[in-house]
Amino acid sequence: MDTTKIKSDFRLVDGGARVSYIERAVTPILKSRVLNSKCTLITGARQVGKSTLVKHEFTGYHRANFDDRLTRLQAREEPGLFFLNNPCPLFIDEVQKENSILEEIKRIVDESDERGMFILSGSQKLELMKGMSESLAGRVSITELAGLSLREIYGVKFNRHFVPTEEYLKEREKDIKPYRDLWETIHRGSYPELYDVERDWQDYYSSYVSTYLERDINELISADSITFTKFLTAVAARTGELLNYANIAGEIGVSEPTVKTWISILERTGIVFLLQPYSAAALHRAIKTPKLYFRDTGLACYLTRWLTPDALKCSAVAGSMFETFMVSEILKSYSNEGMDYKFHIFYYRGKDKNAAGENEIDLIIEENGILYPVEIKMSGNPRADMGAANPVLDKVQEKSRGMGVILCLIDKKTYLRENLVALPITYI
């Protein structure tokens, strides 16, 4: 299949043939982990393609889905019979819905030297992590699957996490492909079903929100769907902003502790990402509040009623949606390489003593003791002063400042200073 010829609607390829399955970048890493581990866990939000990935890449596995109540009931009350009916190698989908089965899985893997016995998946990652730490500590390999990345949509085989070193830039340039109709992609979002079937955008997200409320949220909180939908909309409208619990609580008419609990649930189920501030003793005047990002811009657009790509592109929220999309793409570059981005990506906002106002750095990527400042700008005319806050990182002892980046809508890589480069988004 020649995915380099995907048309602007991304659903048709050469000759009008359907894109029935887009190969996922994490597949080689996942296969290696399954081969070398007794038990492998795949986490990720609903509909990002976890079960589809296993179906296509692990065809020899038996399958059980804990969305089915009868299957869960048998696993809980008659685990021995459940495993007779579902022998290894076994894939269990939405395993967090019946955590009691983890003890039985522990017993099975402890009695065997075989590898690749179980693949588990679930959409409530922190709850799953808790279950895994209690029952399968040291016995499970964990991999996150996100929505489709631009690399996956366009068939780019390069699969290294984004970090603006000279080595990375040279390697990335070997497989650069133009990303056409960027705002179409930002508006559409990253759920695979929107790329491999002829599915109406509004119908898909309407069903997604309803299913999400019915299947997942109602099992975790006690709230009516109208109030919770208002909450989702309020959060989506604040993507790319500092997280203000009181502000959200006041808008939707619930308590601040309730908003904190609901935000935590959105994070656990892969709907939002909380970007933590960079913490260092030398930056004692830095803001300590996390920034909130929706993981899928299509869902954020649906909730905030931006119904077309053109309307979004020309709107007052275009900059924050562009930033949200770029942050999500960078996170995917880490998870698709099997890496945990939480220990590598931060932001900075604070008032430096030598500055008239606040300094802000959209992203700080930390790797091997080097801090790489990244600015995300919805502009085709980057300027050197967009990196004016970068020298604040020179205060951090035992760390050095690496190449600064202006990630923007420029056509080609352009050095603005010796240590500051403007990059097209194709370099992610």
Protein backbone atom coordinates (compact mmCIF):
# COMPACT_ATOMS: atom_id res chain seq x y z
CA MET A 1 0.00 0.00 0.00
CA ASP A 2 1.47 3.36 -1.03
CA THR A 3 0.58 5.67 1.82
CA THR A 4 2.64 8.49 0.33
CA LYS A 5 -0.22 9.23 -2.05
CA ILE A 6 -2.91 9.78 0.55
CA LYS A 7 -5.31 12.38 -0.77
CA SER A 8 -6.35 15.47 1.11
CA ASP A 9 -9.23 13.72 2.85
CA PHE A 10 -6.73 11.06 4.08
CA ARG A 11 -9.22 8.22 3.55
CA LEU A 12 -8.40 7.30 -0.04
CA VAL A 13 -5.11 6.25 -1.58
CA ASP A 14 -3.95 5.47 -5.12
CA GLY A 15 -6.86 4.61 -7.40
CA GLY A 16 -9.43 5.28 -4.67
CA ALA A 17 -8.56 2.16 -2.65
CA ARG A 18 -9.50 2.17 1.02
CA VAL A 19 -6.87 2.56 3.74
CA SER A 20 -8.13 -0.37 5.79
CA TYR A 21 -5.29 -0.43 8.31
CA ILE A 22 -2.56 2.11 8.98
CA GLU A 23 0.57 0.45 10.33
CA ARG A 24 1.34 1.66 13.84
CA ALA A 25 4.83 2.94 14.56
CA VAL A 26 5.06 1.24 17.95
CA THR A 27 4.52 -2.25 16.44
CA PRO A 28 8.20 -3.40 16.33
CA ILE A 29 8.75 -2.30 19.94
CA LEU A 30 5.53 -3.95 21.07
CA LYS A 31 6.43 -7.21 19.32
CA SER A 32 9.84 -7.21 20.99
CA ARG A 33 8.28 -6.66 24.39
CA VAL A 34 5.71 -9.41 23.88
CA LEU A 35 8.49 -11.77 22.78
CA ASN A 36 10.57 -11.06 25.88
CA SER A 37 7.88 -10.65 28.55
CA LYS A 38 5.39 -13.05 30.05
CA CYS A 39 2.76 -10.31 30.17
CA THR A 40 2.44 -7.10 28.14
CA LEU A 41 0.07 -4.21 28.85
CA ILE A 42 -1.10 -1.73 26.18
CA THR A 43 -2.61 1.47 27.55
CA GLY A 44 -4.35 4.30 25.71
CA ALA A 45 -7.63 6.16 25.33
CA ARG A 46 -10.74 4.56 23.90
CA GLN A 47 -10.68 4.11 20.12
CA VAL A 48 -6.96 4.76 19.57
CA GLY A 49 -6.64 1.29 18.00
CA LYS A 50 -5.39 -1.01 20.76
CA SER A 51 -7.55 -4.02 19.87
CA THR A 52 -7.13 -3.40 16.12
CA LEU A 53 -3.35 -3.40 16.52
CA VAL A 54 -3.42 -6.72 18.38
CA LYS A 55 -5.87 -8.20 15.87
CA HIS A 56 -3.56 -7.38 12.94
CA GLU A 57 -0.18 -8.07 14.49
CA PHE A 58 -0.85 -10.94 16.92
CA THR A 59 -3.13 -13.21 14.94
CA GLY A 60 -2.32 -16.33 16.98
CA TYR A 61 -3.79 -14.97 20.21
CA HIS A 62 -7.15 -15.95 21.67
CA ARG A 63 -9.28 -12.93 22.56
CA ALA A 64 -11.51 -11.95 25.47
CA ASN A 65 -13.18 -8.55 25.92
CA PHE A 66 -14.09 -7.36 29.40
CA ASP A 67 -16.53 -4.84 27.95
CA ASP A 68 -18.80 -7.89 27.84
CA ARG A 69 -20.51 -8.33 31.22
CA LEU A 70 -20.89 -12.11 30.95
CA THR A 71 -17.19 -12.51 30.18
CA ARG A 72 -16.31 -10.37 33.19
CA LEU A 73 -18.69 -12.34 35.39
CA GLN A 74 -17.11 -15.66 34.45
CA ALA A 75 -13.60 -14.25 34.97
CA ARG A 76 -14.57 -13.04 38.45
CA GLU A 77 -16.59 -16.01 39.69
CA GLU A 78 -15.01 -18.93 37.81
CA PRO A 79 -11.48 -17.92 36.78
CA GLY A 80 -10.43 -21.53 36.23
CA LEU A 81 -13.28 -22.04 33.75
CA PHE A 82 -12.55 -18.68 32.13
CA PHE A 83 -8.97 -19.72 31.33
CA LEU A 84 -10.13 -23.12 30.08
CA ASN A 85 -12.35 -21.31 27.60
CA ASN A 86 -9.68 -18.69 26.86
CA PRO A 87 -6.25 -20.41 26.86
CA CYS A 88 -2.87 -18.76 26.40
CA PRO A 89 -1.62 -17.01 24.42
CA LEU A 90 -4.48 -14.68 25.36
CA PHE A 91 -5.38 -11.06 24.65
CA ILE A 92 -7.72 -9.49 27.24
CA ASP A 93 -9.22 -6.15 26.21
CA GLU A 94 -10.27 -3.54 28.82
CA VAL A 95 -8.74 -5.66 31.56
CA GLN A 96 -9.12 -2.89 34.17
CA LYS A 97 -12.86 -3.64 34.30
CA GLU A 98 -12.10 -6.85 36.21
CA ASN A 99 -8.91 -6.34 38.20
CA SER A 100 -9.53 -9.50 40.21
CA ILE A 101 -8.29 -11.53 37.23
CA LEU A 102 -4.76 -10.14 37.73
CA GLU A 103 -4.12 -12.45 40.68
CA GLU A 104 -4.96 -15.47 38.55
CA ILE A 105 -2.75 -14.15 35.73
CA LYS A 106 0.07 -13.77 38.28
CA ARG A 107 -0.36 -17.41 39.33
CA ILE A 108 -0.30 -18.62 35.70
CA VAL A 109 2.81 -16.68 34.68
CA ASP A 110 4.66 -17.67 37.87
CA GLU A 111 4.11 -21.35 37.08
CA SER A 112 5.48 -21.07 33.54
CA ASP A 113 8.71 -20.08 31.82
CA GLU A 114 6.94 -19.18 28.57
CA ARG A 115 7.03 -15.66 27.15
CA GLY A 116 4.21 -13.79 25.42
CA MET A 117 1.51 -15.53 27.43
CA PHE A 118 -0.73 -12.50 27.92
CA ILE A 119 -1.39 -9.22 26.14
CA LEU A 120 -3.63 -6.94 28.17
CA SER A 121 -5.13 -3.61 27.15
CA GLY A 122 -7.07 -0.89 28.92
CA SER A 123 -8.10 2.75 28.74
CA GLN A 124 -7.69 3.66 32.42
CA LYS A 125 -3.95 3.63 32.67
CA LEU A 126 -3.31 4.78 36.23
CA GLU A 127 -5.86 2.41 37.68
CA LEU A 128 -4.27 -0.32 35.61
CA MET A 129 -0.84 0.67 36.85
CA LYS A 130 -2.10 0.32 40.43
CA GLY A 131 -3.43 -3.16 39.71
CA MET A 132 -0.22 -4.12 37.94
CA SER A 133 2.00 -2.87 40.76
CA GLU A 134 0.01 -4.86 43.29
CA SER A 135 -0.39 -8.11 41.35
CA LEU A 136 2.14 -8.23 38.52
CA ALA A 137 5.10 -6.21 39.74
CA GLY A 138 8.17 -7.12 37.68
CA ARG A 139 6.11 -9.38 35.44
CA VAL A 140 4.56 -6.93 32.99
CA SER A 141 5.92 -4.71 30.21
CA ILE A 142 3.90 -1.53 29.61
CA THR A 143 3.44 0.24 26.25
CA GLU A 144 1.29 3.29 25.52
CA LEU A 145 -0.62 3.61 22.25
CA ALA A 146 -1.73 7.11 21.26
CA GLY A 147 -3.90 8.25 18.36
CA LEU A 148 -2.47 8.33 14.85
CA SER A 149 0.56 10.55 14.40
CA LEU A 150 1.36 12.57 11.28
CA ARG A 151 4.21 10.13 10.62
CA GLU A 152 1.76 7.21 10.67
CA ILE A 153 -0.83 8.97 8.50
CA TYR A 154 1.78 9.79 5.85
CA GLY A 155 3.73 6.54 6.05
CA VAL A 156 6.94 8.03 7.48
CA LYS A 157 9.07 5.15 8.77
CA PHE A 158 11.38 7.32 10.91
CA ASN A 159 10.60 6.44 14.55
CA ARG A 160 12.76 8.41 16.93
CA HIS A 161 11.49 10.79 19.59
CA PHE A 162 11.76 14.48 18.84
CA VAL A 163 14.82 16.16 20.31
CA PRO A 164 16.55 18.97 18.36
CA THR A 165 20.09 17.64 18.21
CA GLU A 166 22.15 17.87 15.03
CA GLU A 167 22.08 14.08 14.83
CA TYR A 168 18.28 13.98 15.03
CA LEU A 169 17.84 16.70 12.41
CA LYS A 170 20.17 14.96 9.94
CA GLU A 171 18.42 11.60 10.37
CA ARG A 172 14.96 13.15 10.17
CA GLU A 173 15.81 14.92 6.91
CA LYS A 174 16.26 11.55 5.20
CA ASP A 175 12.51 10.87 5.42
CA ILE A 176 10.80 14.26 5.13
CA LYS A 177 7.36 14.28 3.51
CA PRO A 178 5.06 17.29 3.15
CA TYR A 179 2.11 17.32 5.53
CA ARG A 180 -0.70 18.62 3.34
CA ASP A 181 -3.92 20.16 4.63
CA LEU A 182 -2.63 20.56 8.17
CA TRP A 183 -5.79 22.24 9.46
CA GLU A 184 -7.88 19.41 8.05
CA THR A 185 -5.83 17.01 10.18
CA ILE A 186 -5.93 19.21 13.28
CA HIS A 187 -9.71 19.50 12.96
CA ARG A 188 -10.29 15.84 12.14
CA GLY A 189 -8.23 14.53 15.07
CA SER A 190 -6.24 11.34 15.41
CA TYR A 191 -8.69 8.49 15.99
CA PRO A 192 -8.02 5.76 13.38
CA GLU A 193 -11.68 5.18 12.49
CA LEU A 194 -11.83 8.67 10.95
CA TYR A 195 -9.10 7.65 8.49
CA ASP A 196 -10.01 4.12 7.49
CA VAL A 197 -13.78 4.34 6.97
CA GLU A 198 -16.17 6.88 5.48
CA ARG A 199 -17.40 8.28 8.81
CA ASP A 200 -19.12 11.61 9.38
CA TRP A 201 -17.00 13.75 11.71
CA GLN A 202 -19.84 15.07 13.87
CA ASP A 203 -21.50 11.66 14.10
CA TYR A 204 -18.25 10.03 15.18
CA TYR A 205 -17.48 12.48 17.98
CA SER A 206 -21.09 12.61 19.13
CA SER A 207 -21.02 8.83 19.49
CA TYR A 208 -17.58 8.96 21.11
CA VAL A 209 -18.70 11.37 23.82
CA SER A 210 -21.87 9.38 24.48
CA THR A 211 -20.01 6.06 24.62
CA TYR A 212 -17.26 7.57 26.76
CA LEU A 213 -19.83 8.85 29.25
CA GLU A 214 -21.81 5.62 29.30
CA ARG A 215 -18.95 3.10 29.41
CA ASP A 216 -16.18 4.77 31.34
CA ILE A 217 -17.11 7.93 33.21
CA ASN A 218 -20.32 6.65 34.78
CA GLU A 219 -18.31 3.82 36.28
CA LEU A 220 -15.89 6.27 37.90
CA ILE A 221 -18.04 9.22 39.03
CA SER A 222 -21.61 10.05 39.94
CA ALA A 223 -22.67 12.93 37.68
CA ASP A 224 -25.41 13.52 35.17
CA SER A 225 -24.34 13.54 31.55
CA ILE A 226 -25.32 17.19 30.96
CA THR A 227 -23.12 18.50 33.77
CA PHE A 228 -20.21 16.32 32.75
CA THR A 229 -20.53 17.34 29.09
CA LYS A 230 -20.45 21.00 30.21
CA PHE A 231 -17.29 20.15 32.11
CA LEU A 232 -15.70 18.49 29.06
CA THR A 233 -16.54 21.56 26.97
CA ALA A 234 -15.09 23.94 29.57
CA VAL A 235 -11.87 21.93 29.69
CA ALA A 236 -11.63 21.73 25.88
CA ALA A 237 -11.99 25.51 25.67
CA ARG A 238 -8.93 25.85 27.90
CA THR A 239 -6.56 23.55 26.06
CA GLY A 240 -3.06 25.01 26.01
CA GLU A 241 -3.73 27.13 29.12
CA LEU A 242 -2.60 26.99 32.73
CA LEU A 243 -4.91 24.70 34.68
CA ASN A 244 -7.29 26.75 36.87
CA TYR A 245 -9.59 24.48 38.85
CA ALA A 246 -11.53 27.34 40.45
CA ASN A 247 -12.25 28.94 37.08
CA ILE A 248 -13.68 25.72 35.65
CA ALA A 249 -15.67 25.02 38.82
CA GLY A 250 -17.26 28.47 38.72
CA GLU A 251 -18.25 28.09 35.08
CA ILE A 252 -20.03 24.75 35.42
CA GLY A 253 -21.38 25.13 38.96
CA VAL A 254 -19.61 22.31 40.80
CA SER A 255 -17.06 22.34 43.61
CA GLU A 256 -13.35 22.76 43.04
CA PRO A 257 -12.55 19.33 44.58
CA THR A 258 -15.02 17.79 42.13
CA VAL A 259 -13.23 19.45 39.20
CA LYS A 260 -9.89 18.14 40.49
CA THR A 261 -11.31 14.63 40.65
CA TRP A 262 -12.79 14.86 37.15
CA ILE A 263 -9.58 16.28 35.67
CA SER A 264 -7.72 13.36 37.22
CA ILE A 265 -10.17 10.96 35.55
CA LEU A 266 -9.67 12.65 32.17
CA GLU A 267 -5.93 12.26 32.60
CA ARG A 268 -6.21 8.61 33.66
CA THR A 269 -8.37 7.78 30.65
CA GLY A 270 -6.06 9.49 28.14
CA ILE A 271 -8.33 12.44 27.27
CA VAL A 272 -6.05 15.20 28.58
CA PHE A 273 -2.36 15.59 29.34
CA LEU A 274 -1.05 17.78 32.17
CA LEU A 275 2.29 19.31 31.21
CA GLN A 276 4.29 19.91 34.38
CA PRO A 277 6.42 23.02 34.97
CA TYR A 278 10.17 22.63 34.91
CA SER A 279 11.45 22.57 38.46
CA ALA A 280 14.92 23.73 39.42
CA ALA A 281 16.23 25.56 42.49
CA ALA A 282 17.67 28.35 40.32
CA LEU A 283 14.21 29.05 38.85
CA HIS A 284 12.57 29.78 42.21
CA ARG A 285 10.21 32.37 40.68
CA ALA A 286 8.70 29.88 38.24
CA ILE A 287 4.97 29.18 38.17
CA LYS A 288 4.19 25.74 39.62
CA THR A 289 0.81 25.17 37.93
CA PRO A 290 0.59 22.54 35.15
CA LYS A 291 -0.67 23.35 31.66
CA LEU A 292 -3.63 21.41 30.31
CA TYR A 293 -3.73 19.91 26.81
CA PHE A 294 -6.39 17.79 25.13
CA ARG A 295 -4.78 14.70 23.64
CA ASP A 296 -7.01 14.84 20.53
CA THR A 297 -7.67 18.15 18.79
CA GLY A 298 -10.63 16.73 16.87
CA LEU A 299 -12.45 15.99 20.12
CA ALA A 300 -11.56 19.46 21.47
CA CYS A 301 -12.92 21.05 18.27
CA TYR A 302 -16.14 19.04 18.50
CA LEU A 303 -16.74 19.99 22.12
CA THR A 304 -16.09 23.70 21.46
CA ARG A 305 -18.20 23.65 18.26
CA TRP A 306 -15.59 24.49 15.66
CA LEU A 307 -17.31 22.54 12.90
CA THR A 308 -15.00 23.09 9.90
CA PRO A 309 -11.23 23.33 9.38
CA ASP A 310 -11.54 26.78 7.80
CA ALA A 311 -13.54 28.15 10.71
CA LEU A 312 -10.95 26.76 13.12
CA LYS A 313 -8.00 28.15 11.16
CA CYS A 314 -9.45 31.67 11.22
CA SER A 315 -10.65 31.56 14.84
CA ALA A 316 -9.31 33.12 18.01
CA VAL A 317 -8.42 29.64 19.31
CA ALA A 318 -6.31 28.68 16.27
CA GLY A 319 -3.04 29.34 18.10
CA SER A 320 -3.92 27.22 21.12
CA MET A 321 -5.22 24.37 18.91
CA PHE A 322 -2.03 24.48 16.84
CA GLU A 323 0.06 24.35 20.02
CA THR A 324 -2.08 21.51 21.40
CA PHE A 325 -1.62 19.52 18.19
CA MET A 326 2.16 20.02 18.14
CA VAL A 327 2.53 19.02 21.79
CA SER A 328 0.47 15.90 21.12
CA GLU A 329 2.66 15.00 18.12
CA ILE A 330 5.82 15.35 20.21
CA LEU A 331 4.35 13.14 22.94
CA LYS A 332 3.47 10.53 20.29
CA SER A 333 7.06 10.54 19.04
CA TYR A 334 8.09 9.38 22.52
CA SER A 335 5.36 6.81 23.13
CA ASN A 336 5.77 5.36 19.62
CA GLU A 337 9.41 4.68 20.47
CA GLY A 338 8.34 3.04 23.72
CA MET A 339 9.56 5.91 25.91
CA ASP A 340 7.93 7.63 28.88
CA TYR A 341 7.72 11.33 28.01
CA LYS A 342 6.76 12.44 31.56
CA PHE A 343 10.40 12.59 32.60
CA HIS A 344 11.54 14.47 29.50
CA ILE A 345 9.03 17.23 28.62
CA PHE A 346 8.14 20.31 30.67
CA TYR A 347 7.32 23.99 30.25
CA TYR A 348 8.54 27.15 31.96
CA ARG A 349 6.81 30.37 32.94
CA GLY A 350 8.18 32.76 35.50
CA LYS A 351 9.51 36.24 36.18
CA ASP A 352 13.25 36.44 35.83
CA LYS A 353 14.90 39.17 37.90
CA ASN A 354 16.39 40.75 34.79
CA ALA A 355 13.16 40.77 32.78
CA ALA A 356 10.39 43.36 32.66
CA GLY A 357 7.67 40.72 32.59
CA GLU A 358 7.17 36.99 32.57
CA ASN A 359 9.39 34.67 30.60
CA GLU A 360 7.76 31.68 28.96
CA ILE A 361 9.13 28.64 27.15
CA ASP A 362 6.44 26.47 25.59
CA LEU A 363 8.38 23.23 25.97
CA ILE A 364 11.63 22.21 27.62
CA ILE A 365 12.94 18.85 26.45
CA GLU A 366 15.49 17.39 28.84
CA GLU A 367 17.86 14.67 27.68
CA ASN A 368 21.31 13.60 28.89
CA GLY A 369 21.69 16.67 31.10
CA ILE A 370 20.86 19.09 28.26
CA LEU A 371 17.80 21.39 28.18
CA TYR A 372 16.34 22.11 24.73
CA PRO A 373 13.90 25.06 24.66
CA VAL A 374 11.08 24.79 22.11
CA GLU A 375 8.67 27.54 21.06
CA ILE A 376 5.53 26.62 19.12
CA LYS A 377 4.32 29.42 16.85
CA MET A 378 1.51 29.47 14.31
CA SER A 379 3.60 31.66 12.04
CA GLY A 380 5.42 31.41 8.73
CA ASN A 381 7.79 34.24 9.70
CA PRO A 382 9.77 33.17 12.76
CA ARG A 383 12.01 35.74 14.47
CA ALA A 384 15.03 35.35 16.70
CA ASP A 385 13.29 37.25 19.51
CA MET A 386 10.77 34.39 19.79
CA GLY A 387 13.54 32.58 21.66
CA ALA A 388 14.31 35.51 23.95
CA ALA A 389 13.41 33.57 27.11
CA ASN A 390 15.82 30.72 26.38
CA PRO A 391 18.83 32.15 28.33
CA VAL A 392 16.91 31.72 31.60
CA LEU A 393 17.86 28.04 31.37
CA ASP A 394 21.54 28.99 31.72
CA LYS A 395 20.82 29.51 35.44
CA VAL A 396 20.17 25.81 35.98
CA GLN A 397 23.29 24.33 37.52
CA GLU A 398 24.63 20.97 36.34
CA LYS A 399 22.60 21.31 33.13
CA SER A 400 23.52 22.89 29.84
CA ARG A 401 21.32 24.61 27.29
CA GLY A 402 21.05 22.92 23.91
CA MET A 403 19.75 24.02 20.54
CA GLY A 404 16.63 26.19 20.74
CA VAL A 405 13.77 25.59 18.33
CA ILE A 406 10.97 27.67 16.87
CA LEU A 407 8.51 25.04 15.62
CA CYS A 408 6.37 26.85 13.09
CA LEU A 409 4.85 27.00 9.60
CA ILE A 410 8.09 27.88 7.82
CA ASP A 411 8.90 25.98 4.59
CA LYS A 412 12.47 24.93 5.37
CA LYS A 413 14.91 24.64 8.26
CA THR A 414 16.36 28.09 8.95
CA TYR A 415 18.96 29.06 11.55
CA LEU A 416 18.02 32.34 13.24
CA ARG A 417 21.08 32.28 15.50
CA GLU A 418 23.88 29.82 15.96
CA ASN A 419 21.91 28.14 18.76
CA LEU A 420 18.37 28.81 17.51
CA VAL A 421 16.69 27.15 14.53
CA ALA A 422 13.25 27.53 12.99
CA LEU A 423 11.86 24.13 11.98
CA PRO A 424 8.91 23.15 9.78
CA ILE A 425 6.49 20.82 11.51
CA THR A 426 7.65 18.05 9.14
CA TYR A 427 10.68 17.65 11.42
CA ILE A 428 8.57 16.20 14.25
